[in-house]
């Protein structure tokens, strides 16, 4: 039987630093982290203290396996021969080699969640054009026609943004249009929560012909060249939909300064799907993970860790690692 992998949310590392919990190296299981931790650690004031915790507890990095076209294969692997410090250095070097601004679509996502303002949203097409031109400038073939191609796309994108601004972003109206006139989507409980939400929403989706998997992002109409949409991407997409619906959503999803943390939460849930359990201090994250894993028949256990648990963590998940 494989050794269980237990994925720890970033806030678990914080609890360890403050002495609220006592994680230690274990022979019967492995603590696991991912590049999503590095994205959060990079935004922190003192990255080294978080890396020290990962190193002290013998945590291993879980990484998605990509194919020759850099597409997600649906599998993941443990990187066991490098320390958290070495993995972090590789991560920093890798993102430094490509000047890609992952915040370009932040104003769009925040607006869809009912927050933000018009200014950054109106800059979306220009920022996207500049990013594409920058990324293609060093390609080993003729890119002289790229500005014209980007220019042809810009009017359509600007028109979409104008329509979004004209329609406004009152999140209550958005949810009401989806069938949630009393705010019930955010309070569903018990089992099969995604199915419950879909039961409320589905009458508004009849004309579109969309099914539950498509609506929640597990089977998008535009599969971007994938024969089978990766579960990881489906989970990330599902979290974005949940923010709009208000299911276990936080106000930070409507703030540009916080939206990166919201995406990190989605990434953690996605990576946790490859493990036996995911530990977090965030009640909303744990509840979302449980609902998503149940819907997709993923056997990962979602475990909430209380801040005052001043003892060694003893995960009780009896599921083997994938």
Foldseek 3Di string as FASTA:
>chain_A
DFQFEEEEDLVVLVLVVVLLADAAADPRHAYEYECLNLVVLVVDPDSVSSLVSCQGRQHWYKAFDADPVRHGPQDIDTDRPDGSVVVSVVVVVVCVVQPADPLLCLQVLLLLLQADDLVSLLCSLVVVLVNVCVRCVPDPDDCPCVNVVSVVCSVVSNVVSVVSVVVGRHLQVVLVLQQCNPLCLQPDDDALSLVVNCVRRVVSCVVVVDDSQCQQQLQDPCQVPDPGRHVLRSQLSNLSSCSSNNHLHDPLSNPSVRVSVSSSLSNSLSVLLQGQEYEDQRPSSLVSSVNSCNVVVRNYHRYHDHSNNSYHDDDPRPDHGD
